[in-house]
Protein backbone atom coordinates (compact mmCIF):
# COMPACT_ATOMS: atom_id res chain seq x y z
CA MET A 1 -21.63 -1.48 -2.63
CA ILE A 2 -25.21 -2.75 -3.14
CA ASP A 3 -28.06 -0.36 -3.86
CA PRO A 4 -30.70 -1.02 -1.15
CA VAL A 5 -33.55 -0.34 -3.60
CA SER A 6 -32.47 -2.08 -6.80
CA GLY A 7 -30.08 -4.63 -5.32
CA GLU A 8 -27.52 -3.75 -8.00
CA HIS A 9 -23.82 -3.52 -7.35
CA VAL A 10 -23.45 0.27 -7.71
CA ASN A 11 -19.75 0.21 -8.58
CA ASP A 12 -20.42 -2.30 -11.35
CA ARG A 13 -22.79 -0.02 -13.23
CA PRO A 14 -21.51 1.35 -16.57
CA ARG A 15 -20.20 4.90 -16.46
CA PRO A 16 -23.17 7.20 -17.23
CA ALA A 17 -23.08 9.17 -20.45
CA GLN A 18 -22.14 12.81 -20.08
CA ALA A 19 -25.29 14.89 -19.56
CA PRO A 20 -25.94 17.80 -21.93
CA ALA A 21 -24.46 21.08 -20.75
CA ARG A 22 -26.98 23.40 -19.13
CA LEU A 23 -25.40 26.69 -20.23
CA PRO A 24 -24.96 27.21 -23.97
CA LEU A 25 -21.46 28.27 -24.97
CA LEU A 26 -21.49 31.99 -25.79
CA LEU A 27 -20.04 33.21 -29.07
CA PRO A 28 -17.34 35.89 -28.73
CA GLY A 29 -19.20 38.12 -31.20
CA SER A 30 -22.38 38.06 -29.12
CA LEU A 31 -20.85 39.28 -25.85
CA SER A 32 -21.75 42.51 -24.10
CA ASP A 33 -19.00 44.92 -23.06
CA GLU A 34 -19.04 43.47 -19.53
CA GLN A 35 -18.88 39.91 -20.84
CA ARG A 36 -16.09 40.89 -23.23
CA ALA A 37 -14.06 42.14 -20.25
CA VAL A 38 -14.39 38.73 -18.60
CA TYR A 39 -13.52 36.94 -21.84
CA GLU A 40 -10.40 39.01 -22.39
CA ALA A 41 -9.33 38.60 -18.75
CA VAL A 42 -9.63 34.81 -18.99
CA MET A 43 -7.75 34.68 -22.27
CA GLY A 44 -5.08 37.11 -21.04
CA THR A 45 -4.25 35.26 -17.83
CA ARG A 46 -4.33 31.71 -19.15
CA ARG A 47 -2.26 32.01 -22.29
CA THR A 48 1.53 32.15 -22.26
CA PRO A 49 2.99 34.10 -25.21
CA GLY A 50 4.59 31.74 -27.69
CA GLN A 51 3.22 28.65 -25.95
CA ALA A 52 -0.01 26.80 -26.76
CA PRO A 53 -2.37 26.26 -23.81
CA PRO A 54 -1.98 22.71 -22.46
CA PHE A 55 -5.76 22.21 -22.42
CA GLY A 56 -8.84 23.25 -24.39
CA LEU A 57 -9.53 26.77 -23.18
CA VAL A 58 -11.70 27.62 -26.21
CA ASP A 59 -13.35 25.57 -28.92
CA ASP A 60 -12.67 25.91 -32.64
CA ILE A 61 -14.87 29.02 -32.93
CA GLY A 62 -13.48 30.79 -29.90
CA ARG A 63 -16.12 29.98 -27.28
CA LEU A 64 -14.81 29.58 -23.72
CA GLN A 65 -14.99 26.04 -22.35
CA GLY A 66 -14.82 24.52 -18.88
CA PRO A 67 -15.79 26.79 -15.98
CA PHE A 68 -15.02 29.94 -17.94
CA ASN A 69 -18.19 30.01 -20.02
CA ALA A 70 -20.28 30.28 -16.82
CA MET A 71 -18.27 33.35 -15.77
CA LEU A 72 -19.63 35.16 -18.82
CA TYR A 73 -23.24 34.74 -17.70
CA SER A 74 -22.70 36.94 -14.63
CA PRO A 75 -19.80 39.31 -15.28
CA SER A 76 -20.21 40.99 -11.88
CA VAL A 77 -19.39 37.62 -10.27
CA GLY A 78 -17.39 36.11 -13.12
CA LEU A 79 -14.75 38.82 -13.30
CA PRO A 80 -13.84 38.72 -9.58
CA LEU A 81 -13.90 34.91 -9.73
CA GLN A 82 -11.52 34.91 -12.67
CA ASP A 83 -9.30 37.42 -10.84
CA LEU A 84 -9.20 35.12 -7.82
CA GLY A 85 -8.25 32.23 -10.10
CA ALA A 86 -5.41 34.27 -11.57
CA ALA A 87 -4.25 35.15 -8.05
CA VAL A 88 -4.15 31.56 -6.78
CA ARG A 89 -2.41 30.40 -9.96
CA PHE A 90 0.14 33.14 -10.46
CA ARG A 91 0.50 35.28 -7.35
CA THR A 92 1.07 32.89 -4.47
CA GLY A 93 4.32 31.70 -2.93
CA PHE A 94 3.90 28.14 -4.20
CA THR A 95 6.03 26.51 -6.86
CA LYS A 96 4.18 25.39 -9.98
CA ARG A 97 4.46 21.77 -8.87
CA GLU A 98 3.09 22.55 -5.40
CA ARG A 99 0.19 24.47 -6.88
CA GLU A 100 -0.73 21.68 -9.27
CA ILE A 101 -0.43 18.99 -6.59
CA ALA A 102 -2.95 20.88 -4.46
CA THR A 103 -5.28 21.51 -7.42
CA LEU A 104 -5.20 17.88 -8.55
CA VAL A 105 -5.95 16.73 -4.99
CA VAL A 106 -9.14 18.79 -5.14
CA ALA A 107 -10.05 17.62 -8.66
CA ALA A 108 -9.62 13.97 -7.67
CA HIS A 109 -11.51 14.32 -4.41
CA VAL A 110 -14.58 15.86 -6.06
CA ARG A 111 -14.10 13.80 -9.25
CA SER A 112 -14.30 16.85 -11.48
CA ASP A 113 -13.61 15.61 -15.01
CA TYR A 114 -12.77 18.96 -16.58
CA GLU A 115 -10.73 20.15 -13.60
CA TRP A 116 -8.63 16.99 -13.72
CA TYR A 117 -8.38 17.05 -17.53
CA ALA A 118 -7.02 20.62 -17.50
CA HIS A 119 -4.70 20.39 -14.52
CA GLU A 120 -3.29 16.99 -15.38
CA ARG A 121 -1.94 18.63 -18.51
CA ILE A 122 -0.67 21.68 -16.64
CA GLY A 123 0.90 19.44 -14.00
CA ARG A 124 2.74 17.40 -16.61
CA ARG A 125 4.07 20.59 -18.15
CA HIS A 126 5.46 21.53 -14.74
CA GLY A 127 7.15 18.21 -14.03
CA LEU A 128 4.63 15.89 -12.39
CA GLY A 129 5.38 12.34 -13.48
CA GLU A 130 3.17 9.38 -14.37
CA ASP A 131 3.45 7.67 -10.97
CA GLU A 132 2.62 10.92 -9.17
CA MET A 133 -0.37 11.53 -11.43
CA GLU A 134 -1.70 8.03 -10.96
CA ALA A 135 -1.44 8.26 -7.19
CA LEU A 136 -3.20 11.63 -7.09
CA ARG A 137 -5.99 10.44 -9.39
CA GLU A 138 -6.54 7.36 -7.25
CA GLY A 139 -6.56 9.35 -4.00
CA ARG A 140 -3.24 7.95 -2.78
CA ALA A 141 -0.30 9.88 -1.39
CA PRO A 142 2.33 10.21 -4.14
CA MET A 143 5.99 9.52 -3.38
CA LEU A 144 7.27 13.08 -2.98
CA ALA A 145 10.89 13.72 -2.06
CA ASP A 146 10.34 17.39 -1.27
CA VAL A 147 9.15 18.18 2.27
CA ARG A 148 7.13 21.21 1.19
CA GLU A 149 5.32 19.17 -1.45
CA ARG A 150 4.42 16.48 1.08
CA VAL A 151 3.00 19.12 3.43
CA VAL A 152 1.06 20.78 0.58
CA TYR A 153 -0.36 17.41 -0.42
CA GLU A 154 -1.47 16.42 3.09
CA ALA A 155 -2.92 19.82 3.92
CA ALA A 156 -4.79 20.01 0.59
CA ARG A 157 -6.07 16.45 1.04
CA GLN A 158 -7.41 17.22 4.50
CA LEU A 159 -8.94 20.51 3.39
CA ALA A 160 -10.66 18.86 0.43
CA ALA A 161 -11.92 15.86 2.39
CA GLU A 162 -12.80 17.46 5.73
CA GLY A 163 -13.03 21.20 5.15
CA ASP A 164 -10.60 21.77 8.02
CA LEU A 165 -7.05 21.17 9.20
CA ALA A 166 -6.24 19.15 12.28
CA ASP A 167 -4.05 20.97 14.79
CA ALA A 168 -1.02 18.83 13.98
CA VAL A 169 -1.35 19.38 10.22
CA PHE A 170 -1.95 23.11 10.68
CA THR A 171 1.11 23.43 12.92
CA GLU A 172 3.28 21.52 10.46
CA ALA A 173 1.98 23.55 7.51
CA VAL A 174 2.73 26.85 9.28
CA ALA A 175 6.20 25.65 10.30
CA THR A 176 7.04 24.40 6.80
CA LEU A 177 5.20 26.79 4.50
CA GLY A 178 4.52 29.86 6.63
CA ARG A 179 1.24 31.49 7.63
CA THR A 180 0.89 33.37 4.34
CA ALA A 181 1.12 30.17 2.32
CA VAL A 182 -1.43 28.43 4.56
CA VAL A 183 -3.91 31.26 3.87
CA GLU A 184 -3.18 30.92 0.16
CA LEU A 185 -3.61 27.14 0.24
CA VAL A 186 -6.97 27.31 2.01
CA THR A 187 -8.10 29.86 -0.60
CA LEU A 188 -6.81 27.75 -3.49
CA VAL A 189 -8.70 24.68 -2.30
CA GLY A 190 -11.87 26.73 -1.81
CA TYR A 191 -11.58 28.26 -5.26
CA TYR A 192 -11.21 24.94 -7.07
CA LYS A 193 -14.01 23.37 -5.05
CA ALA A 194 -16.23 26.29 -6.10
CA LEU A 195 -15.32 25.74 -9.75
CA ALA A 196 -15.96 22.02 -9.40
CA LEU A 197 -19.43 22.77 -8.02
CA GLN A 198 -20.21 24.99 -11.01
CA LEU A 199 -18.91 22.38 -13.42
CA ARG A 200 -21.14 19.75 -11.83
CA VAL A 201 -24.29 21.87 -11.67
CA PHE A 202 -23.91 23.12 -15.25
CA ARG A 203 -22.99 19.63 -16.52
CA VAL A 204 -19.64 20.66 -17.99
CA GLY A 205 -17.43 17.77 -19.03
CA VAL A 206 -14.18 17.49 -20.93
CA PRO A 207 -14.02 19.00 -24.42
CA ASP A 208 -15.30 16.99 -27.37
CA GLY A 209 -12.81 14.35 -28.44
CA GLU A 210 -11.09 14.15 -25.04
CA SER A 211 -11.36 11.23 -22.63
CA SER A 212 -12.75 11.61 -19.14
CA PRO A 213 -10.46 10.58 -16.28
CA ASP A 214 -10.45 6.92 -15.28
CA TRP A 215 -11.60 7.34 -11.67
CA PRO A 216 -11.25 4.39 -9.29
CA PRO A 217 -14.45 2.77 -8.02
CA ALA A 218 -16.06 4.79 -5.24
CA GLY A 219 -14.67 3.83 -1.87
CA ASP A 220 -11.30 2.64 -3.21
CA GLU A 221 -9.49 5.88 -2.40
CA ASP A 222 -7.38 6.11 0.74
CA GLU A 223 -9.24 7.62 3.65
């Protein structure tokens, strides 16, 4: 693609450096009671006893990273948002693989570095393989043997890309997953798109020392 103003090949430009974050990370010891409630809710729902988190939830002095730091700035919004996140991660009818396929579809579509960084690691923990990960990151349909997973992928892809489901996809999703799961999937996609928007606006990238995803050039993904 050629920029009409500069004449440069846009896709050939070097990857821009990560912009400075717009919201300072808040120290655990500086939190109000309301912020502490959000902090403890995030930590409580995203840590499995006896198992290290697969991604950087906090830095080395305990400050929340990723989208979670922003939740502290407005506890009245942050706590319900964190509760919704816990619901779509732990209280739906999806398998862990299905949930991560849908989440990674969203992360790849919006090119959210932190969202992909975190859920790639969660997805690997729950059995997603290298070929599946590569396809999802590049916006291609992975080779999925399970019918439910294929339907979750296609419905999530269409929701992320178009903000709607075609009649045929909706009918297939209801027949395969059930109406309850379709409601949950629409909500899951909306939740992770909302987080991706916050991550973009507040300039939140991957934690220090981690590599950003290797996204394909714009326009190379499957339509």
